[in-house]
Amino acid sequence: MQRTVGTTESPRQWKADYFTLRPLPTARLVHHFGTDRPTVQQYQDAMAQAHEALRTGRPTVEDTTLLGEHRMSWTGVCAVPYTGSEPTRVGFFGSSGD
């Protein structure tokens, strides 16, 4: 990643969108975690579930898991997990162009 962008809009396959990291939209946080402030454990559990789905091919990652939120190669998405009321980590996910 070369830079972060403040927009939560999906990248559009434009040259300017490559090598960027963007926050997961609030509505998608609520979809995956039931809150816009997921705990560290919720984030870790969601990533474990996503990797297991990817490993086994069930269900399709693009449709149902946190990793499915990533839409374009050479970009990434981030979510901020909380401990209590404090943001304590940043979780990144995305892909290279491979």
PDB file of N, CA and C in Angstrom:
ATOM      1  N   MET A   1       0.831  -1.170   0.000  1.00  0.00           N
ATOM      2  CA  MET A   1       0.000   0.000   0.000  1.00  0.00           C
ATOM      3  C   MET A   1       0.884   1.245   0.000  1.00  0.00           C
ATOM      4  N   GLN A   2       0.466   2.203  -0.768  1.00  0.00           N
ATOM      5  CA  GLN A   2       1.223   3.448  -0.826  1.00  0.00           C
ATOM      6  C   GLN A   2       0.544   4.576  -0.064  1.00  0.00           C
ATOM      7  N   ARG A   3      -0.788   4.465   0.073  1.00  0.00           N
ATOM      8  CA  ARG A   3      -1.493   5.539   0.779  1.00  0.00           C
ATOM      9  C   ARG A   3      -2.860   5.066   1.251  1.00  0.00           C
ATOM     10  N   THR A   4      -3.360   5.762   2.250  1.00  0.00           N
ATOM     11  CA  THR A   4      -4.720   5.507   2.708  1.00  0.00           C
ATOM     12  C   THR A   4      -5.629   6.560   2.100  1.00  0.00           C
ATOM     13  N   VAL A   5      -6.872   6.191   1.928  1.00  0.00           N
ATOM     14  CA  VAL A   5      -7.875   7.138   1.439  1.00  0.00           C
ATOM     15  C   VAL A   5      -9.011   7.183   2.446  1.00  0.00           C
ATOM     16  N   GLY A   6      -9.636   8.323   2.576  1.00  0.00           N
ATOM     17  CA  GLY A   6     -10.695   8.489   3.562  1.00  0.00           C
ATOM     18  C   GLY A   6     -12.040   7.955   3.126  1.00  0.00           C
ATOM     19  N   THR A   7     -12.211   7.718   1.857  1.00  0.00           N
ATOM     20  CA  THR A   7     -13.501   7.270   1.362  1.00  0.00           C
ATOM     21  C   THR A   7     -13.721   5.786   1.644  1.00  0.00           C
ATOM     22  N   THR A   8     -14.971   5.442   1.887  1.00  0.00           N
ATOM     23  CA  THR A   8     -15.330   4.032   2.056  1.00  0.00           C
ATOM     24  C   THR A   8     -15.928   3.467   0.766  1.00  0.00           C
ATOM     25  N   GLU A   9     -15.987   4.284  -0.280  1.00  0.00           N
ATOM     26  CA  GLU A   9     -16.510   3.802  -1.555  1.00  0.00           C
ATOM     27  C   GLU A   9     -15.567   2.760  -2.130  1.00  0.00           C
ATOM     28  N   SER A  10     -16.135   1.785  -2.823  1.00  0.00           N
ATOM     29  CA  SER A  10     -15.320   0.749  -3.447  1.00  0.00           C
ATOM     30  C   SER A  10     -14.425   1.365  -4.511  1.00  0.00           C
ATOM     31  N   PRO A  11     -13.220   0.819  -4.677  1.00  0.00           N
ATOM     32  CA  PRO A  11     -12.349   1.305  -5.753  1.00  0.00           C
ATOM     33  C   PRO A  11     -12.995   1.034  -7.098  1.00  0.00           C
ATOM     34  N   ARG A  12     -12.631   1.830  -8.104  1.00  0.00           N
ATOM     35  CA  ARG A  12     -13.316   1.756  -9.395  1.00  0.00           C
ATOM     36  C   ARG A  12     -12.434   1.282 -10.537  1.00  0.00           C
ATOM     37  N   GLN A  13     -11.355   0.600 -10.233  1.00  0.00           N
ATOM     38  CA  GLN A  13     -10.439   0.141 -11.265  1.00  0.00           C
ATOM     39  C   GLN A  13      -9.722   1.296 -11.960  1.00  0.00           C
ATOM     40  N   TRP A  14      -9.669   2.437 -11.313  1.00  0.00           N
ATOM     41  CA  TRP A  14      -8.933   3.569 -11.848  1.00  0.00           C
ATOM     42  C   TRP A  14      -7.505   3.508 -11.353  1.00  0.00           C
ATOM     43  N   LYS A  15      -6.602   4.025 -12.131  1.00  0.00           N
ATOM     44  CA  LYS A  15      -5.189   4.023 -11.752  1.00  0.00           C
ATOM     45  C   LYS A  15      -4.982   4.636 -10.367  1.00  0.00           C
ATOM     46  N   ALA A  16      -5.731   5.660 -10.043  1.00  0.00           N
ATOM     47  CA  ALA A  16      -5.588   6.341  -8.747  1.00  0.00           C
ATOM     48  C   ALA A  16      -5.998   5.450  -7.572  1.00  0.00           C
ATOM     49  N   ASP A  17      -6.770   4.414  -7.827  1.00  0.00           N
ATOM     50  CA  ASP A  17      -7.220   3.523  -6.750  1.00  0.00           C
ATOM     51  C   ASP A  17      -6.204   2.429  -6.411  1.00  0.00           C
ATOM     52  N   TYR A  18      -5.282   2.150  -7.304  1.00  0.00           N
ATOM     53  CA  TYR A  18      -4.296   1.116  -7.025  1.00  0.00           C
ATOM     54  C   TYR A  18      -3.392   1.515  -5.866  1.00  0.00           C
ATOM     55  N   PHE A  19      -2.986   0.526  -5.073  1.00  0.00           N
ATOM     56  CA  PHE A  19      -2.069   0.702  -3.941  1.00  0.00           C
ATOM     57  C   PHE A  19      -2.672   1.523  -2.807  1.00  0.00           C
ATOM     58  N   THR A  20      -4.007   1.514  -2.682  1.00  0.00           N
ATOM     59  CA  THR A  20      -4.675   2.277  -1.622  1.00  0.00           C
ATOM     60  C   THR A  20      -5.284   1.350  -0.577  1.00  0.00           C
ATOM     61  N   LEU A  21      -5.460   1.914   0.589  1.00  0.00           N
ATOM     62  CA  LEU A  21      -6.119   1.239   1.698  1.00  0.00           C
ATOM     63  C   LEU A  21      -7.277   2.126   2.122  1.00  0.00           C
ATOM     64  N   ARG A  22      -8.461   1.530   2.277  1.00  0.00           N
ATOM     65  CA  ARG A  22      -9.647   2.309   2.652  1.00  0.00           C
ATOM     66  C   ARG A  22     -10.373   1.634   3.803  1.00  0.00           C
ATOM     67  N   PRO A  23     -11.086   2.408   4.616  1.00  0.00           N
ATOM     68  CA  PRO A  23     -11.832   1.811   5.731  1.00  0.00           C
ATOM     69  C   PRO A  23     -13.064   1.047   5.239  1.00  0.00           C
ATOM     70  N   LEU A  24     -13.398   0.004   5.970  1.00  0.00           N
ATOM     71  CA  LEU A  24     -14.631  -0.728   5.703  1.00  0.00           C
ATOM     72  C   LEU A  24     -15.799   0.181   6.090  1.00  0.00           C
ATOM     73  N   PRO A  25     -16.815   0.320   5.243  1.00  0.00           N
ATOM     74  CA  PRO A  25     -17.946   1.184   5.571  1.00  0.00           C
ATOM     75  C   PRO A  25     -18.665   0.742   6.849  1.00  0.00           C
ATOM     76  N   THR A  26     -19.220   1.698   7.557  1.00  0.00           N
ATOM     77  CA  THR A  26     -19.924   1.430   8.809  1.00  0.00           C
ATOM     78  C   THR A  26     -21.012   0.375   8.640  1.00  0.00           C
ATOM     79  N   ALA A  27     -21.778   0.467   7.582  1.00  0.00           N
ATOM     80  CA  ALA A  27     -22.853  -0.510   7.361  1.00  0.00           C
ATOM     81  C   ALA A  27     -22.303  -1.926   7.226  1.00  0.00           C
ATOM     82  N   ARG A  28     -21.125  -2.065   6.631  1.00  0.00           N
ATOM     83  CA  ARG A  28     -20.523  -3.382   6.478  1.00  0.00           C
ATOM     84  C   ARG A  28     -19.925  -3.884   7.792  1.00  0.00           C
ATOM     85  N   LEU A  29     -19.416  -2.963   8.631  1.00  0.00           N
ATOM     86  CA  LEU A  29     -18.984  -3.352   9.976  1.00  0.00           C
ATOM     87  C   LEU A  29     -20.163  -3.931  10.747  1.00  0.00           C
ATOM     88  N   VAL A  30     -21.284  -3.219  10.703  1.00  0.00           N
ATOM     89  CA  VAL A  30     -22.489  -3.677  11.405  1.00  0.00           C
ATOM     90  C   VAL A  30     -22.964  -5.007  10.833  1.00  0.00           C
ATOM     91  N   HIS A  31     -22.888  -5.157   9.530  1.00  0.00           N
ATOM     92  CA  HIS A  31     -23.278  -6.425   8.898  1.00  0.00           C
ATOM     93  C   HIS A  31     -22.454  -7.600   9.448  1.00  0.00           C
ATOM     94  N   HIS A  32     -21.156  -7.429   9.529  1.00  0.00           N
ATOM     95  CA  HIS A  32     -20.277  -8.525   9.949  1.00  0.00           C
ATOM     96  C   HIS A  32     -20.204  -8.719  11.457  1.00  0.00           C
ATOM     97  N   PHE A  33     -20.330  -7.618  12.225  1.00  0.00           N
ATOM     98  CA  PHE A  33     -20.086  -7.696  13.663  1.00  0.00           C
ATOM     99  C   PHE A  33     -21.278  -7.334  14.540  1.00  0.00           C
ATOM    100  N   GLY A  34     -22.323  -6.776  13.942  1.00  0.00           N
ATOM    101  CA  GLY A  34     -23.463  -6.346  14.741  1.00  0.00           C
ATOM    102  C   GLY A  34     -23.224  -5.026  15.449  1.00  0.00           C
ATOM    103  N   THR A  35     -22.111  -4.372  15.143  1.00  0.00           N
ATOM    104  CA  THR A  35     -21.737  -3.100  15.752  1.00  0.00           C
ATOM    105  C   THR A  35     -20.733  -2.404  14.850  1.00  0.00           C
ATOM    106  N   ASP A  36     -20.601  -1.096  15.008  1.00  0.00           N
ATOM    107  CA  ASP A  36     -19.574  -0.384  14.255  1.00  0.00           C
ATOM    108  C   ASP A  36     -18.253  -0.323  15.025  1.00  0.00           C
ATOM    109  N   ARG A  37     -18.237  -0.947  16.216  1.00  0.00           N
ATOM    110  CA  ARG A  37     -17.027  -1.010  17.041  1.00  0.00           C
ATOM    111  C   ARG A  37     -16.765  -2.457  17.462  1.00  0.00           C
ATOM    112  N   PRO A  38     -16.298  -3.269  16.525  1.00  0.00           N
ATOM    113  CA  PRO A  38     -16.053  -4.680  16.867  1.00  0.00           C
ATOM    114  C   PRO A  38     -14.927  -4.808  17.886  1.00  0.00           C
ATOM    115  N   THR A  39     -15.023  -5.838  18.685  1.00  0.00           N
ATOM    116  CA  THR A  39     -13.941  -6.122  19.627  1.00  0.00           C
ATOM    117  C   THR A  39     -12.796  -6.792  18.869  1.00  0.00           C
ATOM    118  N   VAL A  40     -11.648  -6.825  19.499  1.00  0.00           N
ATOM    119  CA  VAL A  40     -10.505  -7.519  18.909  1.00  0.00           C
ATOM    120  C   VAL A  40     -10.870  -8.984  18.672  1.00  0.00           C
ATOM    121  N   GLN A  41     -11.544  -9.606  19.640  1.00  0.00           N
ATOM    122  CA  GLN A  41     -11.927 -11.008  19.492  1.00  0.00           C
ATOM    123  C   GLN A  41     -12.902 -11.207  18.340  1.00  0.00           C
ATOM    124  N   GLN A  42     -13.867 -10.313  18.179  1.00  0.00           N
ATOM    125  CA  GLN A  42     -14.804 -10.416  17.056  1.00  0.00           C
ATOM    126  C   GLN A  42     -14.053 -10.343  15.730  1.00  0.00           C
ATOM    127  N   TYR A  43     -13.108  -9.427  15.638  1.00  0.00           N
ATOM    128  CA  TYR A  43     -12.328  -9.299  14.404  1.00  0.00           C
ATOM    129  C   TYR A  43     -11.515 -10.566  14.148  1.00  0.00           C
ATOM    130  N   GLN A  44     -10.841 -11.058  15.161  1.00  0.00           N
ATOM    131  CA  GLN A  44     -10.044 -12.274  15.003  1.00  0.00           C
ATOM    132  C   GLN A  44     -10.919 -13.457  14.611  1.00  0.00           C
ATOM    133  N   ASP A  45     -12.083 -13.585  15.224  1.00  0.00           N
ATOM    134  CA  ASP A  45     -13.005 -14.668  14.882  1.00  0.00           C
ATOM    135  C   ASP A  45     -13.487 -14.552  13.434  1.00  0.00           C
ATOM    136  N   ALA A  46     -13.818 -13.335  13.000  1.00  0.00           N
ATOM    137  CA  ALA A  46     -14.293 -13.130  11.630  1.00  0.00           C
ATOM    138  C   ALA A  46     -13.198 -13.461  10.620  1.00  0.00           C
ATOM    139  N   MET A  47     -11.965 -13.092  10.925  1.00  0.00           N
ATOM    140  CA  MET A  47     -10.866 -13.412  10.012  1.00  0.00           C
ATOM    141  C   MET A  47     -10.606 -14.917   9.988  1.00  0.00           C
ATOM    142  N   ALA A  48     -10.690 -15.569  11.135  1.00  0.00           N
ATOM    143  CA  ALA A  48     -10.502 -17.023  11.177  1.00  0.00           C
ATOM    144  C   ALA A  48     -11.585 -17.721  10.358  1.00  0.00           C
ATOM    145  N   GLN A  49     -12.821 -17.264  10.493  1.00  0.00           N
ATOM    146  CA  GLN A  49     -13.930 -17.838   9.723  1.00  0.00           C
ATOM    147  C   GLN A  49     -13.705 -17.616   8.230  1.00  0.00           C
ATOM    148  N   ALA A  50     -13.253 -16.434   7.862  1.00  0.00           N
ATOM    149  CA  ALA A  50     -13.010 -16.120   6.452  1.00  0.00           C
ATOM    150  C   ALA A  50     -11.897 -16.989   5.879  1.00  0.00           C
ATOM    151  N   HIS A  51     -10.828 -17.171   6.629  1.00  0.00           N
ATOM    152  CA  HIS A  51      -9.733 -18.002   6.143  1.00  0.00           C
ATOM    153  C   HIS A  51     -10.136 -19.475   6.055  1.00  0.00           C
ATOM    154  N   GLU A  52     -10.947 -19.934   6.981  1.00  0.00           N
ATOM    155  CA  GLU A  52     -11.443 -21.306   6.920  1.00  0.00           C
ATOM    156  C   GLU A  52     -12.339 -21.495   5.696  1.00  0.00           C
ATOM    157  N   ALA A  53     -13.194 -20.529   5.417  1.00  0.00           N
ATOM    158  CA  ALA A  53     -14.053 -20.620   4.228  1.00  0.00           C
ATOM    159  C   ALA A  53     -13.209 -20.620   2.959  1.00  0.00           C
ATOM    160  N   LEU A  54     -12.160 -19.816   2.947  1.00  0.00           N
ATOM    161  CA  LEU A  54     -11.267 -19.784   1.792  1.00  0.00           C
ATOM    162  C   LEU A  54     -10.550 -21.127   1.626  1.00  0.00           C
ATOM    163  N   ARG A  55     -10.083 -21.677   2.733  1.00  0.00           N
ATOM    164  CA  ARG A  55      -9.362 -22.946   2.707  1.00  0.00           C
ATOM    165  C   ARG A  55     -10.251 -24.097   2.230  1.00  0.00           C
ATOM    166  N   THR A  56     -11.491 -24.133   2.680  1.00  0.00           N
ATOM    167  CA  THR A  56     -12.383 -25.248   2.364  1.00  0.00           C
ATOM    168  C   THR A  56     -13.268 -24.998   1.152  1.00  0.00           C
ATOM    169  N   GLY A  57     -13.355 -23.746   0.715  1.00  0.00           N
ATOM    170  CA  GLY A  57     -14.226 -23.441  -0.413  1.00  0.00           C
ATOM    171  C   GLY A  57     -15.690 -23.347  -0.044  1.00  0.00           C
ATOM    172  N   ARG A  58     -16.004 -23.345   1.271  1.00  0.00           N
ATOM    173  CA  ARG A  58     -17.390 -23.253   1.728  1.00  0.00           C
ATOM    174  C   ARG A  58     -17.501 -22.185   2.794  1.00  0.00           C
ATOM    175  N   PRO A  59     -18.398 -21.284   2.741  1.00  0.00           N
ATOM    176  CA  PRO A  59     -19.109 -20.821   1.548  1.00  0.00           C
ATOM    177  C   PRO A  59     -18.186 -19.963   0.699  1.00  0.00           C
ATOM    178  N   THR A  60     -18.679 -19.493  -0.420  1.00  0.00           N
ATOM    179  CA  THR A  60     -17.821 -18.672  -1.262  1.00  0.00           C
ATOM    180  C   THR A  60     -17.449 -17.402  -0.506  1.00  0.00           C
ATOM    181  N   VAL A  61     -16.189 -17.142  -0.435  1.00  0.00           N
ATOM    182  CA  VAL A  61     -15.671 -16.031   0.344  1.00  0.00           C
ATOM    183  C   VAL A  61     -16.243 -14.705  -0.124  1.00  0.00           C
ATOM    184  N   GLU A  62     -16.374 -14.531  -1.433  1.00  0.00           N
ATOM    185  CA  GLU A  62     -16.841 -13.257  -1.955  1.00  0.00           C
ATOM    186  C   GLU A  62     -18.240 -12.897  -1.471  1.00  0.00           C
ATOM    187  N   ASP A  63     -19.045 -13.890  -1.153  1.00  0.00           N
ATOM    188  CA  ASP A  63     -20.431 -13.637  -0.807  1.00  0.00           C
ATOM    189  C   ASP A  63     -20.673 -13.413   0.681  1.00  0.00           C
ATOM    190  N   THR A  64     -19.872 -14.028   1.567  1.00  0.00           N
ATOM    191  CA  THR A  64     -20.325 -14.078   2.944  1.00  0.00           C
ATOM    192  C   THR A  64     -19.324 -13.684   4.022  1.00  0.00           C
ATOM    193  N   THR A  65     -18.060 -13.604   3.736  1.00  0.00           N
ATOM    194  CA  THR A  65     -17.102 -13.369   4.806  1.00  0.00           C
ATOM    195  C   THR A  65     -16.459 -11.997   4.729  1.00  0.00           C
ATOM    196  N   LEU A  66     -15.730 -11.667   5.761  1.00  0.00           N
ATOM    197  CA  LEU A  66     -15.042 -10.385   5.826  1.00  0.00           C
ATOM    198  C   LEU A  66     -14.075 -10.207   4.658  1.00  0.00           C
ATOM    199  N   LEU A  67     -13.388 -11.262   4.271  1.00  0.00           N
ATOM    200  CA  LEU A  67     -12.474 -11.158   3.135  1.00  0.00           C
ATOM    201  C   LEU A  67     -13.195 -10.843   1.834  1.00  0.00           C
ATOM    202  N   GLY A  68     -14.466 -11.174   1.772  1.00  0.00           N
ATOM    203  CA  GLY A  68     -15.261 -10.862   0.586  1.00  0.00           C
ATOM    204  C   GLY A  68     -15.503  -9.383   0.383  1.00  0.00           C
ATOM    205  N   GLU A  69     -15.178  -8.577   1.372  1.00  0.00           N
ATOM    206  CA  GLU A  69     -15.335  -7.124   1.256  1.00  0.00           C
ATOM    207  C   GLU A  69     -14.287  -6.509   0.344  1.00  0.00           C
ATOM    208  N   HIS A  70     -13.217  -7.233   0.116  1.00  0.00           N
ATOM    209  CA  HIS A  70     -12.162  -6.735  -0.757  1.00  0.00           C
ATOM    210  C   HIS A  70     -12.593  -6.933  -2.199  1.00  0.00           C
ATOM    211  N   ARG A  71     -12.532  -5.902  -3.024  1.00  0.00           N
ATOM    212  CA  ARG A  71     -13.100  -5.970  -4.369  1.00  0.00           C
ATOM    213  C   ARG A  71     -12.125  -5.770  -5.519  1.00  0.00           C
ATOM    214  N   MET A  72     -10.894  -5.360  -5.261  1.00  0.00           N
ATOM    215  CA  MET A  72      -9.988  -5.030  -6.366  1.00  0.00           C
ATOM    216  C   MET A  72      -8.554  -5.375  -5.993  1.00  0.00           C
ATOM    217  N   SER A  73      -7.851  -6.023  -6.916  1.00  0.00           N
ATOM    218  CA  SER A  73      -6.440  -6.331  -6.681  1.00  0.00           C
ATOM    219  C   SER A  73      -5.643  -5.046  -6.492  1.00  0.00           C
ATOM    220  N   TRP A  74      -4.559  -5.183  -5.766  1.00  0.00           N
ATOM    221  CA  TRP A  74      -3.646  -4.077  -5.472  1.00  0.00           C
ATOM    222  C   TRP A  74      -4.282  -3.018  -4.587  1.00  0.00           C
ATOM    223  N   THR A  75      -5.300  -3.402  -3.814  1.00  0.00           N
ATOM    224  CA  THR A  75      -5.922  -2.491  -2.849  1.00  0.00           C
ATOM    225  C   THR A  75      -6.165  -3.254  -1.551  1.00  0.00           C
ATOM    226  N   GLY A  76      -6.519  -2.520  -0.506  1.00  0.00           N
ATOM    227  CA  GLY A  76      -6.823  -3.151   0.767  1.00  0.00           C
ATOM    228  C   GLY A  76      -7.937  -2.438   1.494  1.00  0.00           C
ATOM    229  N   VAL A  77      -8.432  -3.112   2.528  1.00  0.00           N
ATOM    230  CA  VAL A  77      -9.505  -2.599   3.371  1.00  0.00           C
ATOM    231  C   VAL A  77      -9.031  -2.730   4.815  1.00  0.00           C
ATOM    232  N   CYS A  78      -9.518  -1.843   5.673  1.00  0.00           N
ATOM    233  CA  CYS A  78      -9.151  -1.951   7.086  1.00  0.00           C
ATOM    234  C   CYS A  78     -10.380  -1.788   7.971  1.00  0.00           C
ATOM    235  N   ALA A  79     -10.267  -2.358   9.160  1.00  0.00           N
ATOM    236  CA  ALA A  79     -11.281  -2.223  10.203  1.00  0.00           C
ATOM    237  C   ALA A  79     -10.542  -1.960  11.505  1.00  0.00           C
ATOM    238  N   VAL A  80     -11.170  -1.225  12.393  1.00  0.00           N
ATOM    239  CA  VAL A  80     -10.541  -0.872  13.663  1.00  0.00           C
ATOM    240  C   VAL A  80     -11.228  -1.619  14.794  1.00  0.00           C
ATOM    241  N   PRO A  81     -10.580  -2.637  15.353  1.00  0.00           N
ATOM    242  CA  PRO A  81     -11.131  -3.341  16.519  1.00  0.00           C
ATOM    243  C   PRO A  81     -10.913  -2.535  17.810  1.00  0.00           C
ATOM    244  N   TYR A  82     -11.798  -2.726  18.754  1.00  0.00           N
ATOM    245  CA  TYR A  82     -11.778  -1.996  20.025  1.00  0.00           C
ATOM    246  C   TYR A  82     -11.546  -2.939  21.195  1.00  0.00           C
ATOM    247  N   THR A  83     -10.919  -2.407  22.212  1.00  0.00           N
ATOM    248  CA  THR A  83     -10.838  -3.043  23.518  1.00  0.00           C
ATOM    249  C   THR A  83     -11.556  -2.096  24.464  1.00  0.00           C
ATOM    250  N   GLY A  84     -12.712  -2.525  24.957  1.00  0.00           N
ATOM    251  CA  GLY A  84     -13.556  -1.600  25.716  1.00  0.00           C
ATOM    252  C   GLY A  84     -14.033  -0.501  24.791  1.00  0.00           C
ATOM    253  N   SER A  85     -13.837   0.740  25.184  1.00  0.00           N
ATOM    254  CA  SER A  85     -14.272   1.863  24.345  1.00  0.00           C
ATOM    255  C   SER A  85     -13.135   2.468  23.531  1.00  0.00           C
ATOM    256  N   GLU A  86     -11.966   1.842  23.579  1.00  0.00           N
ATOM    257  CA  GLU A  86     -10.789   2.388  22.903  1.00  0.00           C
ATOM    258  C   GLU A  86     -10.415   1.591  21.650  1.00  0.00           C
ATOM    259  N   PRO A  87     -10.135   2.294  20.539  1.00  0.00           N
ATOM    260  CA  PRO A  87      -9.593   1.586  19.377  1.00  0.00           C
ATOM    261  C   PRO A  87      -8.165   1.153  19.704  1.00  0.00           C
ATOM    262  N   THR A  88      -7.864  -0.125  19.545  1.00  0.00           N
ATOM    263  CA  THR A  88      -6.554  -0.619  19.976  1.00  0.00           C
ATOM    264  C   THR A  88      -5.743  -1.291  18.876  1.00  0.00           C
ATOM    265  N   ARG A  89      -6.345  -1.526  17.732  1.00  0.00           N
ATOM    266  CA  ARG A  89      -5.629  -2.174  16.639  1.00  0.00           C
ATOM    267  C   ARG A  89      -6.206  -1.692  15.318  1.00  0.00           C
ATOM    268  N   VAL A  90      -5.528  -2.044  14.252  1.00  0.00           N
ATOM    269  CA  VAL A  90      -6.068  -1.861  12.907  1.00  0.00           C
ATOM    270  C   VAL A  90      -5.892  -3.193  12.191  1.00  0.00           C
ATOM    271  N   GLY A  91      -6.979  -3.713  11.660  1.00  0.00           N
ATOM    272  CA  GLY A  91      -6.924  -4.964  10.901  1.00  0.00           C
ATOM    273  C   GLY A  91      -6.955  -4.658   9.422  1.00  0.00           C
ATOM    274  N   PHE A  92      -5.989  -5.193   8.683  1.00  0.00           N
ATOM    275  CA  PHE A  92      -5.870  -4.955   7.252  1.00  0.00           C
ATOM    276  C   PHE A  92      -6.134  -6.237   6.484  1.00  0.00           C
ATOM    277  N   PHE A  93      -6.772  -6.114   5.330  1.00  0.00           N
ATOM    278  CA  PHE A  93      -6.911  -7.254   4.434  1.00  0.00           C
ATOM    279  C   PHE A  93      -7.081  -6.737   3.018  1.00  0.00           C
ATOM    280  N   GLY A  94      -6.672  -7.537   2.054  1.00  0.00           N
ATOM    281  CA  GLY A  94      -6.714  -7.135   0.651  1.00  0.00           C
ATOM    282  C   GLY A  94      -5.929  -8.124  -0.180  1.00  0.00           C
ATOM    283  N   SER A  95      -5.407  -7.651  -1.319  1.00  0.00           N
ATOM    284  CA  SER A  95      -4.633  -8.582  -2.145  1.00  0.00           C
ATOM    285  C   SER A  95      -3.636  -7.844  -3.019  1.00  0.00           C
ATOM    286  N   SER A  96      -2.653  -8.618  -3.433  1.00  0.00           N
ATOM    287  CA  SER A  96      -1.722  -8.123  -4.435  1.00  0.00           C
ATOM    288  C   SER A  96      -2.365  -8.369  -5.788  1.00  0.00           C
ATOM    289  N   GLY A  97      -1.630  -8.193  -6.818  1.00  0.00           N
ATOM    290  CA  GLY A  97      -2.174  -8.402  -8.152  1.00  0.00           C
ATOM    291  C   GLY A  97      -2.067  -9.823  -8.647  1.00  0.00           C
ATOM    292  N   ASP A  98      -1.563 -10.714  -7.810  1.00  0.00           N
ATOM    293  CA  ASP A  98      -1.385 -12.113  -8.227  1.00  0.00           C
ATOM    294  C   ASP A  98      -2.697 -12.803  -8.444  1.00  0.00           C
TER     295      ASP A  98
END
